């Protein structure tokens, strides 16, 4: 491991940029797939522009959900895994441990 990676806690210097690009590609590709599928089905069923609009919205929702999932995996300390590891919910009557 080089000195830059050691200084950033093991992460490579360009890693945040790569993660941001991955999130952007996930969003754009979901929109393109949804739009393309809607456009194709509109031509087939002659329902322009309704299926295009519906599938664009579905593509936007899928892209947002995928980007959220990836961001939660890449961000340590957030998401359901962190809650389970910290014992979120806990037992009734027990005080929560506060990290300092």
PDB file of N, CA and C in Angstrom:
ATOM      1  N   UNK A   1       0.843  -1.177   0.000  1.00  0.00           N
ATOM      2  CA  UNK A   1       0.000   0.000   0.000  1.00  0.00           C
ATOM      3  C   UNK A   1       0.889   1.241   0.000  1.00  0.00           C
ATOM      4  N   UNK A   2       0.524   2.244  -0.808  1.00  0.00           N
ATOM      5  CA  UNK A   2       1.350   3.442  -0.850  1.00  0.00           C
ATOM      6  C   UNK A   2       1.004   4.403   0.288  1.00  0.00           C
ATOM      7  N   UNK A   3       1.773   5.481   0.390  1.00  0.00           N
ATOM      8  CA  UNK A   3       1.597   6.417   1.501  1.00  0.00           C
ATOM      9  C   UNK A   3       0.262   7.149   1.441  1.00  0.00           C
ATOM     10  N   UNK A   4      -0.227   7.472   0.239  1.00  0.00           N
ATOM     11  CA  UNK A   4      -1.512   8.172   0.121  1.00  0.00           C
ATOM     12  C   UNK A   4      -2.652   7.289   0.613  1.00  0.00           C
ATOM     13  N   UNK A   5      -2.585   6.000   0.299  1.00  0.00           N
ATOM     14  CA  UNK A   5      -3.630   5.085   0.752  1.00  0.00           C
ATOM     15  C   UNK A   5      -3.576   4.908   2.262  1.00  0.00           C
ATOM     16  N   UNK A   6      -2.363   4.874   2.821  1.00  0.00           N
ATOM     17  CA  UNK A   6      -2.243   4.743   4.271  1.00  0.00           C
ATOM     18  C   UNK A   6      -2.754   5.990   4.977  1.00  0.00           C
ATOM     19  N   UNK A   7      -2.521   7.161   4.415  1.00  0.00           N
ATOM     20  CA  UNK A   7      -2.952   8.412   5.041  1.00  0.00           C
ATOM     21  C   UNK A   7      -4.466   8.552   5.047  1.00  0.00           C
ATOM     22  N   UNK A   8      -5.142   7.941   4.070  1.00  0.00           N
ATOM     23  CA  UNK A   8      -6.599   8.047   4.005  1.00  0.00           C
ATOM     24  C   UNK A   8      -7.287   6.846   4.617  1.00  0.00           C
ATOM     25  N   UNK A   9      -6.581   6.072   5.397  1.00  0.00           N
ATOM     26  CA  UNK A   9      -7.203   4.926   6.056  1.00  0.00           C
ATOM     27  C   UNK A   9      -7.351   3.716   5.160  1.00  0.00           C
ATOM     28  N   UNK A  10      -6.515   3.576   4.155  1.00  0.00           N
ATOM     29  CA  UNK A  10      -6.549   2.405   3.294  1.00  0.00           C
ATOM     30  C   UNK A  10      -7.281   2.635   1.985  1.00  0.00           C
ATOM     31  N   UNK A  11      -7.972   3.762   1.831  1.00  0.00           N
ATOM     32  CA  UNK A  11      -8.699   4.032   0.603  1.00  0.00           C
ATOM     33  C   UNK A  11      -7.758   4.642  -0.428  1.00  0.00           C
ATOM     34  N   UNK A  12      -7.930   4.246  -1.665  1.00  0.00           N
ATOM     35  CA  UNK A  12      -7.135   4.817  -2.742  1.00  0.00           C
ATOM     36  C   UNK A  12      -7.563   6.264  -2.968  1.00  0.00           C
ATOM     37  N   UNK A  13      -6.658   7.122  -3.455  1.00  0.00           N
ATOM     38  CA  UNK A  13      -6.985   8.543  -3.618  1.00  0.00           C
ATOM     39  C   UNK A  13      -8.181   8.817  -4.525  1.00  0.00           C
ATOM     40  N   UNK A  14      -8.376   8.056  -5.592  1.00  0.00           N
ATOM     41  CA  UNK A  14      -9.481   8.308  -6.515  1.00  0.00           C
ATOM     42  C   UNK A  14     -10.754   7.563  -6.183  1.00  0.00           C
ATOM     43  N   UNK A  15     -10.796   6.877  -5.075  1.00  0.00           N
ATOM     44  CA  UNK A  15     -11.936   6.036  -4.757  1.00  0.00           C
ATOM     45  C   UNK A  15     -13.255   6.804  -4.609  1.00  0.00           C
ATOM     46  N   UNK A  16     -13.310   7.950  -3.923  1.00  0.00           N
ATOM     47  CA  UNK A  16     -14.590   8.665  -3.834  1.00  0.00           C
ATOM     48  C   UNK A  16     -15.125   9.097  -5.199  1.00  0.00           C
ATOM     49  N   UNK A  17     -14.238   9.488  -6.101  1.00  0.00           N
ATOM     50  CA  UNK A  17     -14.671   9.859  -7.441  1.00  0.00           C
ATOM     51  C   UNK A  17     -15.255   8.650  -8.161  1.00  0.00           C
ATOM     52  N   UNK A  18     -14.631   7.505  -8.007  1.00  0.00           N
ATOM     53  CA  UNK A  18     -15.145   6.285  -8.616  1.00  0.00           C
ATOM     54  C   UNK A  18     -16.507   5.903  -8.073  1.00  0.00           C
ATOM     55  N   UNK A  19     -16.694   6.071  -6.776  1.00  0.00           N
ATOM     56  CA  UNK A  19     -17.989   5.766  -6.170  1.00  0.00           C
ATOM     57  C   UNK A  19     -19.067   6.719  -6.677  1.00  0.00           C
ATOM     58  N   UNK A  20     -18.724   7.995  -6.800  1.00  0.00           N
ATOM     59  CA  UNK A  20     -19.686   8.972  -7.312  1.00  0.00           C
ATOM     60  C   UNK A  20     -20.046   8.668  -8.762  1.00  0.00           C
ATOM     61  N   UNK A  21     -19.062   8.275  -9.551  1.00  0.00           N
ATOM     62  CA  UNK A  21     -19.333   7.918 -10.945  1.00  0.00           C
ATOM     63  C   UNK A  21     -20.223   6.688 -11.033  1.00  0.00           C
ATOM     64  N   UNK A  22     -20.002   5.730 -10.141  1.00  0.00           N
ATOM     65  CA  UNK A  22     -20.827   4.525 -10.137  1.00  0.00           C
ATOM     66  C   UNK A  22     -22.283   4.873  -9.831  1.00  0.00           C
ATOM     67  N   UNK A  23     -22.501   5.748  -8.850  1.00  0.00           N
ATOM     68  CA  UNK A  23     -23.863   6.156  -8.515  1.00  0.00           C
ATOM     69  C   UNK A  23     -24.518   6.879  -9.690  1.00  0.00           C
ATOM     70  N   UNK A  24     -23.761   7.746 -10.362  1.00  0.00           N
ATOM     71  CA  UNK A  24     -24.307   8.476 -11.506  1.00  0.00           C
ATOM     72  C   UNK A  24     -24.660   7.527 -12.646  1.00  0.00           C
ATOM     73  N   UNK A  25     -23.793   6.566 -12.909  1.00  0.00           N
ATOM     74  CA  UNK A  25     -24.053   5.601 -13.979  1.00  0.00           C
ATOM     75  C   UNK A  25     -25.274   4.751 -13.647  1.00  0.00           C
ATOM     76  N   UNK A  26     -25.438   4.369 -12.393  1.00  0.00           N
ATOM     77  CA  UNK A  26     -26.613   3.585 -11.989  1.00  0.00           C
ATOM     78  C   UNK A  26     -27.897   4.363 -12.247  1.00  0.00           C
ATOM     79  N   UNK A  27     -27.899   5.649 -11.901  1.00  0.00           N
ATOM     80  CA  UNK A  27     -29.096   6.472 -12.101  1.00  0.00           C
ATOM     81  C   UNK A  27     -29.404   6.638 -13.593  1.00  0.00           C
ATOM     82  N   UNK A  28     -28.400   6.986 -14.373  1.00  0.00           N
ATOM     83  CA  UNK A  28     -28.607   7.242 -15.795  1.00  0.00           C
ATOM     84  C   UNK A  28     -29.000   5.963 -16.527  1.00  0.00           C
ATOM     85  N   UNK A  29     -28.354   4.852 -16.214  1.00  0.00           N
ATOM     86  CA  UNK A  29     -28.670   3.604 -16.915  1.00  0.00           C
ATOM     87  C   UNK A  29     -30.090   3.139 -16.604  1.00  0.00           C
ATOM     88  N   UNK A  30     -30.547   3.317 -15.375  1.00  0.00           N
ATOM     89  CA  UNK A  30     -31.923   2.935 -15.044  1.00  0.00           C
ATOM     90  C   UNK A  30     -32.919   3.794 -15.819  1.00  0.00           C
ATOM     91  N   UNK A  31     -32.631   5.083 -15.960  1.00  0.00           N
ATOM     92  CA  UNK A  31     -33.507   5.957 -16.746  1.00  0.00           C
ATOM     93  C   UNK A  31     -33.505   5.562 -18.222  1.00  0.00           C
ATOM     94  N   UNK A  32     -32.331   5.240 -18.755  1.00  0.00           N
ATOM     95  CA  UNK A  32     -32.247   4.843 -20.160  1.00  0.00           C
ATOM     96  C   UNK A  32     -32.990   3.536 -20.423  1.00  0.00           C
ATOM     97  N   UNK A  33     -32.838   2.580 -19.537  1.00  0.00           N
ATOM     98  CA  UNK A  33     -33.532   1.298 -19.708  1.00  0.00           C
ATOM     99  C   UNK A  33     -35.040   1.503 -19.605  1.00  0.00           C
ATOM    100  N   UNK A  34     -35.478   2.249 -18.601  1.00  0.00           N
ATOM    101  CA  UNK A  34     -36.910   2.516 -18.450  1.00  0.00           C
ATOM    102  C   UNK A  34     -37.477   3.274 -19.634  1.00  0.00           C
ATOM    103  N   UNK A  35     -36.763   4.308 -20.081  1.00  0.00           N
ATOM    104  CA  UNK A  35     -37.222   5.082 -21.229  1.00  0.00           C
ATOM    105  C   UNK A  35     -37.239   4.264 -22.509  1.00  0.00           C
ATOM    106  N   UNK A  36     -36.205   3.475 -22.717  1.00  0.00           N
ATOM    107  CA  UNK A  36     -36.151   2.633 -23.913  1.00  0.00           C
ATOM    108  C   UNK A  36     -37.249   1.586 -23.937  1.00  0.00           C
ATOM    109  N   UNK A  37     -37.485   0.969 -22.800  1.00  0.00           N
ATOM    110  CA  UNK A  37     -38.553  -0.034 -22.718  1.00  0.00           C
ATOM    111  C   UNK A  37     -39.914   0.612 -22.936  1.00  0.00           C
ATOM    112  N   UNK A  38     -40.136   1.772 -22.329  1.00  0.00           N
ATOM    113  CA  UNK A  38     -41.402   2.485 -22.520  1.00  0.00           C
ATOM    114  C   UNK A  38     -41.606   2.916 -23.958  1.00  0.00           C
ATOM    115  N   UNK A  39     -40.539   3.413 -24.591  1.00  0.00           N
ATOM    116  CA  UNK A  39     -40.626   3.837 -25.986  1.00  0.00           C
ATOM    117  C   UNK A  39     -40.949   2.655 -26.900  1.00  0.00           C
ATOM    118  N   UNK A  40     -40.285   1.518 -26.654  1.00  0.00           N
ATOM    119  CA  UNK A  40     -40.532   0.319 -27.455  1.00  0.00           C
ATOM    120  C   UNK A  40     -41.971  -0.167 -27.287  1.00  0.00           C
ATOM    121  N   UNK A  41     -42.429  -0.241 -26.037  1.00  0.00           N
ATOM    122  CA  UNK A  41     -43.793  -0.722 -25.790  1.00  0.00           C
ATOM    123  C   UNK A  41     -44.844   0.252 -26.314  1.00  0.00           C
ATOM    124  N   UNK A  42     -44.553   1.553 -26.272  1.00  0.00           N
ATOM    125  CA  UNK A  42     -45.470   2.537 -26.854  1.00  0.00           C
ATOM    126  C   UNK A  42     -45.630   2.314 -28.354  1.00  0.00           C
ATOM    127  N   UNK A  43     -44.543   2.035 -29.034  1.00  0.00           N
ATOM    128  CA  UNK A  43     -44.611   1.769 -30.463  1.00  0.00           C
ATOM    129  C   UNK A  43     -45.360   0.484 -30.771  1.00  0.00           C
ATOM    130  N   UNK A  44     -45.200  -0.499 -29.913  1.00  0.00           N
ATOM    131  CA  UNK A  44     -45.835  -1.797 -30.127  1.00  0.00           C
ATOM    132  C   UNK A  44     -47.336  -1.730 -29.855  1.00  0.00           C
ATOM    133  N   UNK A  45     -47.719  -1.095 -28.757  1.00  0.00           N
ATOM    134  CA  UNK A  45     -49.131  -1.024 -28.375  1.00  0.00           C
ATOM    135  C   UNK A  45     -49.823   0.249 -28.864  1.00  0.00           C
ATOM    136  N   UNK A  46     -49.080   1.150 -29.521  1.00  0.00           N
ATOM    137  CA  UNK A  46     -49.609   2.415 -30.036  1.00  0.00           C
ATOM    138  C   UNK A  46     -50.309   3.218 -28.937  1.00  0.00           C
ATOM    139  N   UNK A  47     -49.622   3.410 -27.831  1.00  0.00           N
ATOM    140  CA  UNK A  47     -50.177   4.124 -26.679  1.00  0.00           C
ATOM    141  C   UNK A  47     -49.380   5.385 -26.366  1.00  0.00           C
ATOM    142  N   UNK A  48     -48.681   5.945 -27.337  1.00  0.00           N
ATOM    143  CA  UNK A  48     -47.800   7.095 -27.065  1.00  0.00           C
ATOM    144  C   UNK A  48     -48.518   8.178 -26.319  1.00  0.00           C
ATOM    145  N   UNK A  49     -47.933   8.825 -25.392  1.00  0.00           N
ATOM    146  CA  UNK A  49     -46.652   8.678 -24.720  1.00  0.00           C
ATOM    147  C   UNK A  49     -46.785   8.000 -23.365  1.00  0.00           C
ATOM    148  N   UNK A  50     -47.897   7.337 -23.102  1.00  0.00           N
ATOM    149  CA  UNK A  50     -48.210   6.878 -21.744  1.00  0.00           C
ATOM    150  C   UNK A  50     -47.222   5.874 -21.188  1.00  0.00           C
ATOM    151  N   UNK A  51     -46.895   4.849 -21.941  1.00  0.00           N
ATOM    152  CA  UNK A  51     -45.960   3.852 -21.410  1.00  0.00           C
ATOM    153  C   UNK A  51     -44.554   4.422 -21.260  1.00  0.00           C
ATOM    154  N   UNK A  52     -44.182   5.347 -22.127  1.00  0.00           N
ATOM    155  CA  UNK A  52     -42.883   6.005 -21.979  1.00  0.00           C
ATOM    156  C   UNK A  52     -42.811   6.748 -20.649  1.00  0.00           C
ATOM    157  N   UNK A  53     -43.862   7.486 -20.322  1.00  0.00           N
ATOM    158  CA  UNK A  53     -43.889   8.236 -19.062  1.00  0.00           C
ATOM    159  C   UNK A  53     -43.865   7.283 -17.875  1.00  0.00           C
ATOM    160  N   UNK A  54     -44.681   6.230 -17.933  1.00  0.00           N
ATOM    161  CA  UNK A  54     -44.748   5.266 -16.827  1.00  0.00           C
ATOM    162  C   UNK A  54     -43.398   4.595 -16.611  1.00  0.00           C
ATOM    163  N   UNK A  55     -42.767   4.136 -17.679  1.00  0.00           N
ATOM    164  CA  UNK A  55     -41.497   3.427 -17.525  1.00  0.00           C
ATOM    165  C   UNK A  55     -40.339   4.375 -17.197  1.00  0.00           C
ATOM    166  N   UNK A  56     -40.428   5.631 -17.606  1.00  0.00           N
ATOM    167  CA  UNK A  56     -39.422   6.598 -17.161  1.00  0.00           C
ATOM    168  C   UNK A  56     -39.520   6.805 -15.652  1.00  0.00           C
ATOM    169  N   UNK A  57     -40.746   6.895 -15.141  1.00  0.00           N
ATOM    170  CA  UNK A  57     -40.925   7.035 -13.692  1.00  0.00           C
ATOM    171  C   UNK A  57     -40.439   5.787 -12.958  1.00  0.00           C
ATOM    172  N   UNK A  58     -40.744   4.613 -13.504  1.00  0.00           N
ATOM    173  CA  UNK A  58     -40.254   3.374 -12.887  1.00  0.00           C
ATOM    174  C   UNK A  58     -38.728   3.300 -12.945  1.00  0.00           C
ATOM    175  N   UNK A  59     -38.141   3.728 -14.047  1.00  0.00           N
ATOM    176  CA  UNK A  59     -36.685   3.752 -14.158  1.00  0.00           C
ATOM    177  C   UNK A  59     -36.062   4.715 -13.164  1.00  0.00           C
ATOM    178  N   UNK A  60     -36.693   5.873 -12.973  1.00  0.00           N
ATOM    179  CA  UNK A  60     -36.187   6.838 -11.995  1.00  0.00           C
ATOM    180  C   UNK A  60     -36.262   6.266 -10.588  1.00  0.00           C
ATOM    181  N   UNK A  61     -37.363   5.584 -10.280  1.00  0.00           N
ATOM    182  CA  UNK A  61     -37.502   4.973  -8.951  1.00  0.00           C
ATOM    183  C   UNK A  61     -36.473   3.866  -8.755  1.00  0.00           C
ATOM    184  N   UNK A  62     -36.276   3.040  -9.772  1.00  0.00           N
ATOM    185  CA  UNK A  62     -35.296   1.955  -9.667  1.00  0.00           C
ATOM    186  C   UNK A  62     -33.878   2.506  -9.536  1.00  0.00           C
ATOM    187  N   UNK A  63     -33.554   3.536 -10.297  1.00  0.00           N
ATOM    188  CA  UNK A  63     -32.229   4.143 -10.207  1.00  0.00           C
ATOM    189  C   UNK A  63     -31.972   4.765  -8.851  1.00  0.00           C
ATOM    190  N   UNK A  64     -32.985   5.430  -8.309  1.00  0.00           N
ATOM    191  CA  UNK A  64     -32.848   6.031  -6.985  1.00  0.00           C
ATOM    192  C   UNK A  64     -32.665   4.965  -5.923  1.00  0.00           C
ATOM    193  N   UNK A  65     -33.445   3.894  -6.007  1.00  0.00           N
ATOM    194  CA  UNK A  65     -33.334   2.805  -5.033  1.00  0.00           C
ATOM    195  C   UNK A  65     -31.966   2.125  -5.119  1.00  0.00           C
ATOM    196  N   UNK A  66     -31.494   1.867  -6.322  1.00  0.00           N
ATOM    197  CA  UNK A  66     -30.171   1.252  -6.485  1.00  0.00           C
ATOM    198  C   UNK A  66     -29.063   2.159  -5.963  1.00  0.00           C
ATOM    199  N   UNK A  67     -29.149   3.442  -6.269  1.00  0.00           N
ATOM    200  CA  UNK A  67     -28.134   4.377  -5.786  1.00  0.00           C
ATOM    201  C   UNK A  67     -28.155   4.459  -4.263  1.00  0.00           C
ATOM    202  N   UNK A  68     -29.332   4.426  -3.673  1.00  0.00           N
ATOM    203  CA  UNK A  68     -29.452   4.451  -2.208  1.00  0.00           C
ATOM    204  C   UNK A  68     -28.807   3.208  -1.600  1.00  0.00           C
ATOM    205  N   UNK A  69     -29.091   2.053  -2.185  1.00  0.00           N
ATOM    206  CA  UNK A  69     -28.506   0.805  -1.670  1.00  0.00           C
ATOM    207  C   UNK A  69     -26.982   0.825  -1.762  1.00  0.00           C
ATOM    208  N   UNK A  70     -26.461   1.275  -2.880  1.00  0.00           N
ATOM    209  CA  UNK A  70     -25.008   1.338  -3.052  1.00  0.00           C
ATOM    210  C   UNK A  70     -24.406   2.330  -2.064  1.00  0.00           C
ATOM    211  N   UNK A  71     -25.038   3.480  -1.903  1.00  0.00           N
ATOM    212  CA  UNK A  71     -24.521   4.496  -0.980  1.00  0.00           C
ATOM    213  C   UNK A  71     -24.524   3.982   0.452  1.00  0.00           C
ATOM    214  N   UNK A  72     -25.532   3.226   0.842  1.00  0.00           N
ATOM    215  CA  UNK A  72     -25.586   2.684   2.202  1.00  0.00           C
ATOM    216  C   UNK A  72     -24.497   1.635   2.417  1.00  0.00           C
ATOM    217  N   UNK A  73     -24.189   0.858   1.369  1.00  0.00           N
ATOM    218  CA  UNK A  73     -23.113  -0.125   1.479  1.00  0.00           C
ATOM    219  C   UNK A  73     -21.749   0.532   1.564  1.00  0.00           C
ATOM    220  N   UNK A  74     -21.587   1.652   0.876  1.00  0.00           N
ATOM    221  CA  UNK A  74     -20.293   2.324   0.831  1.00  0.00           C
ATOM    222  C   UNK A  74     -20.046   3.226   2.035  1.00  0.00           C
ATOM    223  N   UNK A  75     -21.092   3.578   2.766  1.00  0.00           N
ATOM    224  CA  UNK A  75     -20.961   4.495   3.893  1.00  0.00           C
ATOM    225  C   UNK A  75     -20.950   3.714   5.193  1.00  0.00           C
ATOM    226  N   UNK A  76     -19.801   3.596   5.848  1.00  0.00           N
ATOM    227  CA  UNK A  76     -19.761   2.863   7.109  1.00  0.00           C
ATOM    228  C   UNK A  76     -20.488   3.637   8.205  1.00  0.00           C
ATOM    229  N   UNK A  77     -21.218   2.907   9.038  1.00  0.00           N
ATOM    230  CA  UNK A  77     -21.908   3.530  10.157  1.00  0.00           C
ATOM    231  C   UNK A  77     -23.330   3.952   9.857  1.00  0.00           C
ATOM    232  N   UNK A  78     -23.836   3.698   8.642  1.00  0.00           N
ATOM    233  CA  UNK A  78     -25.199   4.041   8.289  1.00  0.00           C
ATOM    234  C   UNK A  78     -25.907   2.805   7.770  1.00  0.00           C
ATOM    235  N   UNK A  79     -27.217   2.807   7.852  1.00  0.00           N
ATOM    236  CA  UNK A  79     -28.014   1.739   7.288  1.00  0.00           C
ATOM    237  C   UNK A  79     -28.407   0.697   8.301  1.00  0.00           C
ATOM    238  N   UNK A  80     -29.164  -0.310   7.857  1.00  0.00           N
ATOM    239  CA  UNK A  80     -29.678  -1.339   8.760  1.00  0.00           C
ATOM    240  C   UNK A  80     -28.592  -2.193   9.401  1.00  0.00           C
ATOM    241  N   UNK A  81     -27.459  -2.402   8.693  1.00  0.00           N
ATOM    242  CA  UNK A  81     -26.393  -3.209   9.277  1.00  0.00           C
ATOM    243  C   UNK A  81     -25.807  -2.514  10.500  1.00  0.00           C
ATOM    244  N   UNK A  82     -25.652  -1.207  10.434  1.00  0.00           N
ATOM    245  CA  UNK A  82     -25.097  -0.459  11.560  1.00  0.00           C
ATOM    246  C   UNK A  82     -26.063  -0.476  12.738  1.00  0.00           C
ATOM    247  N   UNK A  83     -27.363  -0.376  12.452  1.00  0.00           N
ATOM    248  CA  UNK A  83     -28.356  -0.421  13.520  1.00  0.00           C
ATOM    249  C   UNK A  83     -28.336  -1.774  14.217  1.00  0.00           C
ATOM    250  N   UNK A  84     -28.226  -2.850  13.444  1.00  0.00           N
ATOM    251  CA  UNK A  84     -28.201  -4.193  14.032  1.00  0.00           C
ATOM    252  C   UNK A  84     -26.926  -4.399  14.840  1.00  0.00           C
ATOM    253  N   UNK A  85     -25.815  -3.874  14.350  1.00  0.00           N
ATOM    254  CA  UNK A  85     -24.543  -4.041  15.049  1.00  0.00           C
ATOM    255  C   UNK A  85     -24.527  -3.278  16.370  1.00  0.00           C
ATOM    256  N   UNK A  86     -25.218  -2.143  16.417  1.00  0.00           N
ATOM    257  CA  UNK A  86     -25.247  -1.340  17.634  1.00  0.00           C
ATOM    258  C   UNK A  86     -26.360  -1.765  18.574  1.00  0.00           C
ATOM    259  N   UNK A  87     -27.209  -2.682  18.141  1.00  0.00           N
ATOM    260  CA  UNK A  87     -28.302  -3.129  18.993  1.00  0.00           C
ATOM    261  C   UNK A  87     -29.429  -2.123  19.062  1.00  0.00           C
ATOM    262  N   UNK A  88     -29.787  -1.536  17.933  1.00  0.00           N
ATOM    263  CA  UNK A  88     -30.872  -0.557  17.913  1.00  0.00           C
ATOM    264  C   UNK A  88     -32.166  -1.220  18.361  1.00  0.00           C
ATOM    265  N   UNK A  89     -32.939  -0.522  19.098  1.00  0.00           N
ATOM    266  CA  UNK A  89     -34.177  -1.075  19.638  1.00  0.00           C
ATOM    267  C   UNK A  89     -33.945  -1.542  21.049  1.00  0.00           C
ATOM    268  N   UNK A  90     -33.009  -2.446  21.213  1.00  0.00           N
ATOM    269  CA  UNK A  90     -32.612  -2.916  22.541  1.00  0.00           C
ATOM    270  C   UNK A  90     -33.755  -3.460  23.372  1.00  0.00           C
ATOM    271  N   UNK A  91     -33.469  -3.682  24.634  1.00  0.00           N
ATOM    272  CA  UNK A  91     -34.474  -4.178  25.554  1.00  0.00           C
ATOM    273  C   UNK A  91     -35.115  -3.011  26.279  1.00  0.00           C
ATOM    274  N   UNK A  92     -36.360  -3.215  26.681  1.00  0.00           N
ATOM    275  CA  UNK A  92     -37.090  -2.176  27.392  1.00  0.00           C
ATOM    276  C   UNK A  92     -36.466  -1.991  28.768  1.00  0.00           C
ATOM    277  N   UNK A  93     -36.261  -0.755  29.155  1.00  0.00           N
ATOM    278  CA  UNK A  93     -35.732  -0.459  30.477  1.00  0.00           C
ATOM    279  C   UNK A  93     -34.225  -0.353  30.547  1.00  0.00           C
ATOM    280  N   UNK A  94     -33.529  -0.702  29.480  1.00  0.00           N
ATOM    281  CA  UNK A  94     -32.067  -0.589  29.474  1.00  0.00           C
ATOM    282  C   UNK A  94     -31.669   0.736  28.866  1.00  0.00           C
ATOM    283  N   UNK A  95     -30.650   1.340  29.434  1.00  0.00           N
ATOM    284  CA  UNK A  95     -30.147   2.599  28.901  1.00  0.00           C
ATOM    285  C   UNK A  95     -29.251   2.321  27.700  1.00  0.00           C
ATOM    286  N   UNK A  96     -29.330   3.205  26.734  1.00  0.00           N
ATOM    287  CA  UNK A  96     -28.487   3.078  25.550  1.00  0.00           C
ATOM    288  C   UNK A  96     -27.061   3.471  25.892  1.00  0.00           C
ATOM    289  N   UNK A  97     -26.119   2.769  25.283  1.00  0.00           N
ATOM    290  CA  UNK A  97     -24.708   3.109  25.465  1.00  0.00           C
ATOM    291  C   UNK A  97     -24.364   4.264  24.540  1.00  0.00           C
ATOM    292  N   UNK A  98     -23.744   5.265  25.093  1.00  0.00           N
ATOM    293  CA  UNK A  98     -23.356   6.431  24.306  1.00  0.00           C
ATOM    294  C   UNK A  98     -21.864   6.343  24.030  1.00  0.00           C
ATOM    295  N   UNK A  99     -21.536   6.392  22.736  1.00  0.00           N
ATOM    296  CA  UNK A  99     -20.128   6.354  22.341  1.00  0.00           C
ATOM    297  C   UNK A  99     -19.547   7.745  22.463  1.00  0.00           C
ATOM    298  N   UNK A 100     -18.348   7.839  22.997  1.00  0.00           N
ATOM    299  CA  UNK A 100     -17.693   9.142  23.149  1.00  0.00           C
ATOM    300  C   UNK A 100     -16.530   9.259  22.221  1.00  0.00           C
TER     301      UNK A 100
END
